[in-house]
Amino acid sequence: MTKFHSPRSHPTKSELRTAALTRRDALTPAERAAAAEAVAVRGLPIAPAGGRVVAGYSPIRGELDPFPLMRALQAQGARLALPAIVGRDQPLVFRDWSFGRPLVPGRFGILEPAPDMPAVEPDIVLVPMAAFDRAGHRVGYGAGFYDRTLGRSAAGRPVTVGLAFATQEVDRVGALPHDVGLDYIATERETIALRSVAG
């Protein structure tokens, strides 16, 4: 893991994001593809079968591609969903989707299911990350969509699995009260369990 040195006691989230994304950007296409395949082969630490809904994401900005994992989960019997951004300060809406169905550009140009696809409540959410630490805290891109979405209710909150390349790990993320911790983190090297979650 690359250390981040700062004259202050802890770097800011912006500094952590910049450093982690610089390391991520240095990965080659072959390394990115191999990492996505490694995560897919290992699978999730909880069973996705029985019609459980797994919400992934459309990768942007060099994020770890979740589609190989999602394709494997669909083959195991999981239902899939992808997020849609409905407003700048609104929680995400997850819409039903499966491979073979079209995706359309949504807000900010991110691909998402068509607006007429039904909304679903996911059992498992794959969460993209700019940076993460081993306490289950993540750094996103600053818009707060996932914290706003996952923090709506503690009761019935979906299981969260952060996806990232191992090089995006940092020593410590200074979590704020509104930040929602992850249940698991999956990289090409390992799956880190943060909380005891019934499968």
C-alpha atoms as a PDB file:
ATOM      1  CA  MET A   1       0.000   0.000   0.000  1.00  0.00           C
ATOM      2  CA  THR A   2       1.316   3.430  -0.918  1.00  0.00           C
ATOM      3  CA  LYS A   3       1.686   5.744   2.055  1.00  0.00           C
ATOM      4  CA  PHE A   4       0.421   9.309   1.894  1.00  0.00           C
ATOM      5  CA  HIS A   5       2.610  11.857   3.621  1.00  0.00           C
ATOM      6  CA  SER A   6       1.149  15.150   4.777  1.00  0.00           C
ATOM      7  CA  PRO A   7       2.427  17.808   7.179  1.00  0.00           C
ATOM      8  CA  ARG A   8      -0.959  17.686   8.916  1.00  0.00           C
ATOM      9  CA  SER A   9      -2.095  14.834  11.141  1.00  0.00           C
ATOM     10  CA  HIS A  10      -4.354  13.426   8.428  1.00  0.00           C
ATOM     11  CA  PRO A  11      -4.767  14.233   4.727  1.00  0.00           C
ATOM     12  CA  THR A  12      -8.093  15.596   3.564  1.00  0.00           C
ATOM     13  CA  LYS A  13     -10.525  13.488   1.543  1.00  0.00           C
ATOM     14  CA  SER A  14      -9.657  15.580  -1.495  1.00  0.00           C
ATOM     15  CA  GLU A  15      -5.968  14.776  -1.048  1.00  0.00           C
ATOM     16  CA  LEU A  16      -6.702  11.089  -0.514  1.00  0.00           C
ATOM     17  CA  ARG A  17      -8.896  11.055  -3.615  1.00  0.00           C
ATOM     18  CA  THR A  18      -6.283  12.744  -5.783  1.00  0.00           C
ATOM     19  CA  ALA A  19      -3.462  10.448  -4.664  1.00  0.00           C
ATOM     20  CA  ALA A  20      -5.507   7.247  -4.976  1.00  0.00           C
ATOM     21  CA  LEU A  21      -6.861   8.177  -8.400  1.00  0.00           C
ATOM     22  CA  THR A  22      -3.344   9.009  -9.618  1.00  0.00           C
ATOM     23  CA  ARG A  23      -2.272   5.492  -8.664  1.00  0.00           C
ATOM     24  CA  ARG A  24      -5.407   4.041 -10.276  1.00  0.00           C
ATOM     25  CA  ASP A  25      -4.790   5.968 -13.486  1.00  0.00           C
ATOM     26  CA  ALA A  26      -1.315   4.425 -13.725  1.00  0.00           C
ATOM     27  CA  LEU A  27      -2.750   0.905 -14.118  1.00  0.00           C
ATOM     28  CA  THR A  28      -2.504  -0.584 -17.597  1.00  0.00           C
ATOM     29  CA  PRO A  29      -5.563  -1.853 -19.491  1.00  0.00           C
ATOM     30  CA  ALA A  30      -4.301  -5.415 -19.001  1.00  0.00           C
ATOM     31  CA  GLU A  31      -4.007  -4.883 -15.236  1.00  0.00           C
ATOM     32  CA  ARG A  32      -7.518  -3.430 -15.100  1.00  0.00           C
ATOM     33  CA  ALA A  33      -9.018  -6.340 -17.034  1.00  0.00           C
ATOM     34  CA  ALA A  34      -7.172  -8.902 -14.913  1.00  0.00           C
ATOM     35  CA  ALA A  35      -8.366  -7.215 -11.709  1.00  0.00           C
ATOM     36  CA  ALA A  36     -12.017  -7.219 -12.818  1.00  0.00           C
ATOM     37  CA  GLU A  37     -11.749 -10.901 -13.752  1.00  0.00           C
ATOM     38  CA  ALA A  38     -10.101 -11.787 -10.416  1.00  0.00           C
ATOM     39  CA  VAL A  39     -12.965 -10.159  -8.515  1.00  0.00           C
ATOM     40  CA  ALA A  40     -15.492 -11.985 -10.705  1.00  0.00           C
ATOM     41  CA  VAL A  41     -13.841 -15.368 -10.206  1.00  0.00           C
ATOM     42  CA  ARG A  42     -13.748 -14.941  -6.423  1.00  0.00           C
ATOM     43  CA  GLY A  43     -17.370 -13.785  -6.341  1.00  0.00           C
ATOM     44  CA  LEU A  44     -19.237 -12.324  -3.416  1.00  0.00           C
ATOM     45  CA  PRO A  45     -18.816 -13.443   0.203  1.00  0.00           C
ATOM     46  CA  ILE A  46     -22.606 -13.802   0.465  1.00  0.00           C
ATOM     47  CA  ALA A  47     -24.892 -15.958  -1.645  1.00  0.00           C
ATOM     48  CA  PRO A  48     -26.547 -14.011  -4.492  1.00  0.00           C
ATOM     49  CA  ALA A  49     -28.929 -16.784  -5.544  1.00  0.00           C
ATOM     50  CA  GLY A  50     -32.642 -17.059  -4.857  1.00  0.00           C
ATOM     51  CA  GLY A  51     -33.546 -13.979  -6.866  1.00  0.00           C
ATOM     52  CA  ARG A  52     -31.580 -11.569  -4.700  1.00  0.00           C
ATOM     53  CA  VAL A  53     -31.171  -8.185  -6.359  1.00  0.00           C
ATOM     54  CA  VAL A  54     -27.564  -7.078  -6.822  1.00  0.00           C
ATOM     55  CA  ALA A  55     -27.091  -3.460  -7.845  1.00  0.00           C
ATOM     56  CA  GLY A  56     -23.885  -2.707  -9.697  1.00  0.00           C
ATOM     57  CA  TYR A  57     -22.773   0.471 -11.431  1.00  0.00           C
ATOM     58  CA  SER A  58     -21.683   1.658 -14.853  1.00  0.00           C
ATOM     59  CA  PRO A  59     -17.925   2.205 -14.522  1.00  0.00           C
ATOM     60  CA  ILE A  60     -16.565   5.678 -15.228  1.00  0.00           C
ATOM     61  CA  ARG A  61     -13.211   7.409 -14.838  1.00  0.00           C
ATOM     62  CA  GLY A  62     -11.239   4.163 -14.754  1.00  0.00           C
ATOM     63  CA  GLU A  63     -13.245   2.497 -11.968  1.00  0.00           C
ATOM     64  CA  LEU A  64     -12.919  -1.238 -11.487  1.00  0.00           C
ATOM     65  CA  ASP A  65     -15.354  -2.742 -13.989  1.00  0.00           C
ATOM     66  CA  PRO A  66     -18.102  -4.626 -12.086  1.00  0.00           C
ATOM     67  CA  PHE A  67     -19.674  -6.144 -15.212  1.00  0.00           C
ATOM     68  CA  PRO A  68     -17.653  -9.418 -15.196  1.00  0.00           C
ATOM     69  CA  LEU A  69     -18.762  -9.977 -11.581  1.00  0.00           C
ATOM     70  CA  MET A  70     -22.353  -9.002 -12.382  1.00  0.00           C
ATOM     71  CA  ARG A  71     -22.435 -11.370 -15.350  1.00  0.00           C
ATOM     72  CA  ALA A  72     -21.270 -14.219 -13.096  1.00  0.00           C
ATOM     73  CA  LEU A  73     -23.868 -13.306 -10.467  1.00  0.00           C
ATOM     74  CA  GLN A  74     -26.640 -13.247 -13.049  1.00  0.00           C
ATOM     75  CA  ALA A  75     -25.590 -16.747 -14.132  1.00  0.00           C
ATOM     76  CA  GLN A  76     -25.912 -17.824 -10.481  1.00  0.00           C
ATOM     77  CA  GLY A  77     -29.513 -16.640 -10.292  1.00  0.00           C
ATOM     78  CA  ALA A  78     -29.172 -13.067  -9.068  1.00  0.00           C
ATOM     79  CA  ARG A  79     -31.337 -10.284 -10.435  1.00  0.00           C
ATOM     80  CA  LEU A  80     -29.387  -7.199 -11.462  1.00  0.00           C
ATOM     81  CA  ALA A  81     -29.960  -3.486 -11.152  1.00  0.00           C
ATOM     82  CA  LEU A  82     -28.085  -0.302 -11.960  1.00  0.00           C
ATOM     83  CA  PRO A  83     -28.358   3.135 -10.339  1.00  0.00           C
ATOM     84  CA  ALA A  84     -29.942   6.180 -11.897  1.00  0.00           C
ATOM     85  CA  ILE A  85     -29.263   9.751 -10.808  1.00  0.00           C
ATOM     86  CA  VAL A  86     -32.583  11.583 -10.520  1.00  0.00           C
ATOM     87  CA  GLY A  87     -31.307  14.828  -9.008  1.00  0.00           C
ATOM     88  CA  ARG A  88     -28.147  16.436  -7.698  1.00  0.00           C
ATOM     89  CA  ASP A  89     -29.185  16.252  -4.031  1.00  0.00           C
ATOM     90  CA  GLN A  90     -31.409  13.180  -4.313  1.00  0.00           C
ATOM     91  CA  PRO A  91     -30.680   9.551  -3.425  1.00  0.00           C
ATOM     92  CA  LEU A  92     -30.028   7.161  -6.272  1.00  0.00           C
ATOM     93  CA  VAL A  93     -32.841   5.088  -7.749  1.00  0.00           C
ATOM     94  CA  PHE A  94     -31.948   1.502  -8.646  1.00  0.00           C
ATOM     95  CA  ARG A  95     -33.635   0.185 -11.793  1.00  0.00           C
ATOM     96  CA  ASP A  96     -34.035  -3.386 -12.948  1.00  0.00           C
ATOM     97  CA  TRP A  97     -31.525  -4.406 -15.622  1.00  0.00           C
ATOM     98  CA  SER A  98     -29.891  -7.482 -17.143  1.00  0.00           C
ATOM     99  CA  PHE A  99     -27.268  -8.117 -19.786  1.00  0.00           C
ATOM    100  CA  GLY A 100     -28.717  -7.713 -23.258  1.00  0.00           C
ATOM    101  CA  ARG A 101     -30.935  -4.792 -22.254  1.00  0.00           C
ATOM    102  CA  PRO A 102     -30.005  -1.330 -23.485  1.00  0.00           C
ATOM    103  CA  LEU A 103     -28.411   1.399 -21.412  1.00  0.00           C
ATOM    104  CA  VAL A 104     -28.990   5.089 -22.038  1.00  0.00           C
ATOM    105  CA  PRO A 105     -26.976   8.141 -20.955  1.00  0.00           C
ATOM    106  CA  GLY A 106     -28.414   9.680 -17.813  1.00  0.00           C
ATOM    107  CA  ARG A 107     -27.429  12.769 -15.878  1.00  0.00           C
ATOM    108  CA  PHE A 108     -23.711  13.522 -16.199  1.00  0.00           C
ATOM    109  CA  GLY A 109     -23.601  11.103 -19.151  1.00  0.00           C
ATOM    110  CA  ILE A 110     -23.429   7.947 -17.021  1.00  0.00           C
ATOM    111  CA  LEU A 111     -25.083   4.921 -18.629  1.00  0.00           C
ATOM    112  CA  GLU A 112     -28.170   3.643 -16.824  1.00  0.00           C
ATOM    113  CA  PRO A 113     -31.310   1.597 -17.556  1.00  0.00           C
ATOM    114  CA  ALA A 114     -34.074   3.287 -19.514  1.00  0.00           C
ATOM    115  CA  PRO A 115     -36.375   5.488 -17.405  1.00  0.00           C
ATOM    116  CA  ASP A 116     -39.315   3.135 -17.970  1.00  0.00           C
ATOM    117  CA  MET A 117     -37.544   0.227 -16.259  1.00  0.00           C
ATOM    118  CA  PRO A 118     -39.047  -0.503 -12.821  1.00  0.00           C
ATOM    119  CA  ALA A 119     -37.328   0.651  -9.655  1.00  0.00           C
ATOM    120  CA  VAL A 120     -36.158  -2.109  -7.311  1.00  0.00           C
ATOM    121  CA  GLU A 121     -34.818  -2.331  -3.772  1.00  0.00           C
ATOM    122  CA  PRO A 122     -31.428  -4.071  -3.925  1.00  0.00           C
ATOM    123  CA  ASP A 123     -30.342  -6.688  -1.399  1.00  0.00           C
ATOM    124  CA  ILE A 124     -26.675  -6.124  -2.242  1.00  0.00           C
ATOM    125  CA  VAL A 125     -25.084  -2.937  -3.580  1.00  0.00           C
ATOM    126  CA  LEU A 126     -21.702  -2.866  -5.318  1.00  0.00           C
ATOM    127  CA  VAL A 127     -20.224   0.519  -4.465  1.00  0.00           C
ATOM    128  CA  PRO A 128     -17.511   2.243  -6.542  1.00  0.00           C
ATOM    129  CA  MET A 129     -14.743   3.988  -4.631  1.00  0.00           C
ATOM    130  CA  ALA A 130     -12.013   6.533  -5.250  1.00  0.00           C
ATOM    131  CA  ALA A 131     -10.175   5.433  -2.095  1.00  0.00           C
ATOM    132  CA  PHE A 132     -10.813   3.205   0.933  1.00  0.00           C
ATOM    133  CA  ASP A 133      -9.347   2.104   4.244  1.00  0.00           C
ATOM    134  CA  ARG A 134      -9.536  -1.166   6.150  1.00  0.00           C
ATOM    135  CA  ALA A 135     -12.107   0.195   8.586  1.00  0.00           C
ATOM    136  CA  GLY A 136     -14.693   0.142   5.784  1.00  0.00           C
ATOM    137  CA  HIS A 137     -14.666   3.857   5.023  1.00  0.00           C
ATOM    138  CA  ARG A 138     -14.579   5.096   1.459  1.00  0.00           C
ATOM    139  CA  VAL A 139     -13.905   8.251  -0.484  1.00  0.00           C
ATOM    140  CA  GLY A 140     -16.165   8.893  -3.467  1.00  0.00           C
ATOM    141  CA  TYR A 141     -16.135  11.788  -5.881  1.00  0.00           C
ATOM    142  CA  GLY A 142     -17.656  14.261  -3.448  1.00  0.00           C
ATOM    143  CA  ALA A 143     -21.274  14.330  -4.615  1.00  0.00           C
ATOM    144  CA  GLY A 144     -22.499  12.093  -1.770  1.00  0.00           C
ATOM    145  CA  PHE A 145     -24.916  10.007  -3.850  1.00  0.00           C
ATOM    146  CA  TYR A 146     -24.108   6.678  -2.193  1.00  0.00           C
ATOM    147  CA  ASP A 147     -23.985   8.045   1.371  1.00  0.00           C
ATOM    148  CA  ARG A 148     -27.328   9.762   0.766  1.00  0.00           C
ATOM    149  CA  THR A 149     -28.829   6.590  -0.689  1.00  0.00           C
ATOM    150  CA  LEU A 150     -27.517   4.023   1.783  1.00  0.00           C
ATOM    151  CA  GLY A 151     -28.021   6.221   4.822  1.00  0.00           C
ATOM    152  CA  ARG A 152     -31.758   6.628   4.333  1.00  0.00           C
ATOM    153  CA  SER A 153     -32.649   3.883   6.791  1.00  0.00           C
ATOM    154  CA  ALA A 154     -30.626   1.610   9.047  1.00  0.00           C
ATOM    155  CA  ALA A 155     -33.457  -0.928   9.007  1.00  0.00           C
ATOM    156  CA  GLY A 156     -33.271  -3.143   5.973  1.00  0.00           C
ATOM    157  CA  ARG A 157     -30.150  -1.464   4.609  1.00  0.00           C
ATOM    158  CA  PRO A 158     -28.679  -3.519   1.774  1.00  0.00           C
ATOM    159  CA  VAL A 159     -25.357  -5.296   2.153  1.00  0.00           C
ATOM    160  CA  THR A 160     -22.666  -3.054   0.696  1.00  0.00           C
ATOM    161  CA  VAL A 161     -19.584  -4.306  -1.136  1.00  0.00           C
ATOM    162  CA  GLY A 162     -17.043  -1.670  -2.120  1.00  0.00           C
ATOM    163  CA  LEU A 163     -15.134  -2.428  -5.319  1.00  0.00           C
ATOM    164  CA  ALA A 164     -11.727  -0.941  -6.091  1.00  0.00           C
ATOM    165  CA  PHE A 165      -8.203  -1.775  -7.143  1.00  0.00           C
ATOM    166  CA  ALA A 166      -5.846  -2.640  -4.299  1.00  0.00           C
ATOM    167  CA  THR A 167      -3.710   0.397  -5.137  1.00  0.00           C
ATOM    168  CA  GLN A 168      -6.566   2.654  -4.016  1.00  0.00           C
ATOM    169  CA  GLU A 169      -6.164   1.648  -0.369  1.00  0.00           C
ATOM    170  CA  VAL A 170      -5.112   4.414   2.035  1.00  0.00           C
ATOM    171  CA  ASP A 171      -4.090   4.352   5.677  1.00  0.00           C
ATOM    172  CA  ARG A 172      -7.135   6.128   7.043  1.00  0.00           C
ATOM    173  CA  VAL A 173     -10.216   7.933   5.777  1.00  0.00           C
ATOM    174  CA  GLY A 174     -11.451  10.589   8.160  1.00  0.00           C
ATOM    175  CA  ALA A 175     -15.091   9.482   8.234  1.00  0.00           C
ATOM    176  CA  LEU A 176     -17.817  12.019   8.997  1.00  0.00           C
ATOM    177  CA  PRO A 177     -21.097  11.242  10.833  1.00  0.00           C
ATOM    178  CA  HIS A 178     -23.065  11.036   7.562  1.00  0.00           C
ATOM    179  CA  ASP A 179     -20.562   8.659   5.927  1.00  0.00           C
ATOM    180  CA  VAL A 180     -21.924   5.127   5.580  1.00  0.00           C
ATOM    181  CA  GLY A 181     -19.445   2.337   6.289  1.00  0.00           C
ATOM    182  CA  LEU A 182     -19.122  -0.669   4.004  1.00  0.00           C
ATOM    183  CA  ASP A 183     -19.839  -4.279   4.916  1.00  0.00           C
ATOM    184  CA  TYR A 184     -17.184  -5.701   2.582  1.00  0.00           C
ATOM    185  CA  ILE A 185     -14.435  -4.456   0.303  1.00  0.00           C
ATOM    186  CA  ALA A 186     -13.332  -6.479  -2.727  1.00  0.00           C
ATOM    187  CA  THR A 187     -10.134  -5.872  -4.680  1.00  0.00           C
ATOM    188  CA  GLU A 188      -8.210  -8.062  -7.084  1.00  0.00           C
ATOM    189  CA  ARG A 189      -6.113  -9.274  -4.139  1.00  0.00           C
ATOM    190  CA  GLU A 190      -8.656 -10.009  -1.423  1.00  0.00           C
ATOM    191  CA  THR A 191     -12.092  -9.575   0.076  1.00  0.00           C
ATOM    192  CA  ILE A 192     -12.100  -7.676   3.376  1.00  0.00           C
ATOM    193  CA  ALA A 193     -14.983  -8.402   5.761  1.00  0.00           C
ATOM    194  CA  LEU A 194     -15.867  -5.402   7.911  1.00  0.00           C
ATOM    195  CA  ARG A 195     -19.119  -6.498   9.542  1.00  0.00           C
ATOM    196  CA  SER A 196     -20.875  -9.711  10.414  1.00  0.00           C
ATOM    197  CA  VAL A 197     -23.657  -9.980   7.875  1.00  0.00           C
ATOM    198  CA  ALA A 198     -26.004 -12.922   7.666  1.00  0.00           C
ATOM    199  CA  GLY A 199     -25.839 -14.646   4.307  1.00  0.00           C
END
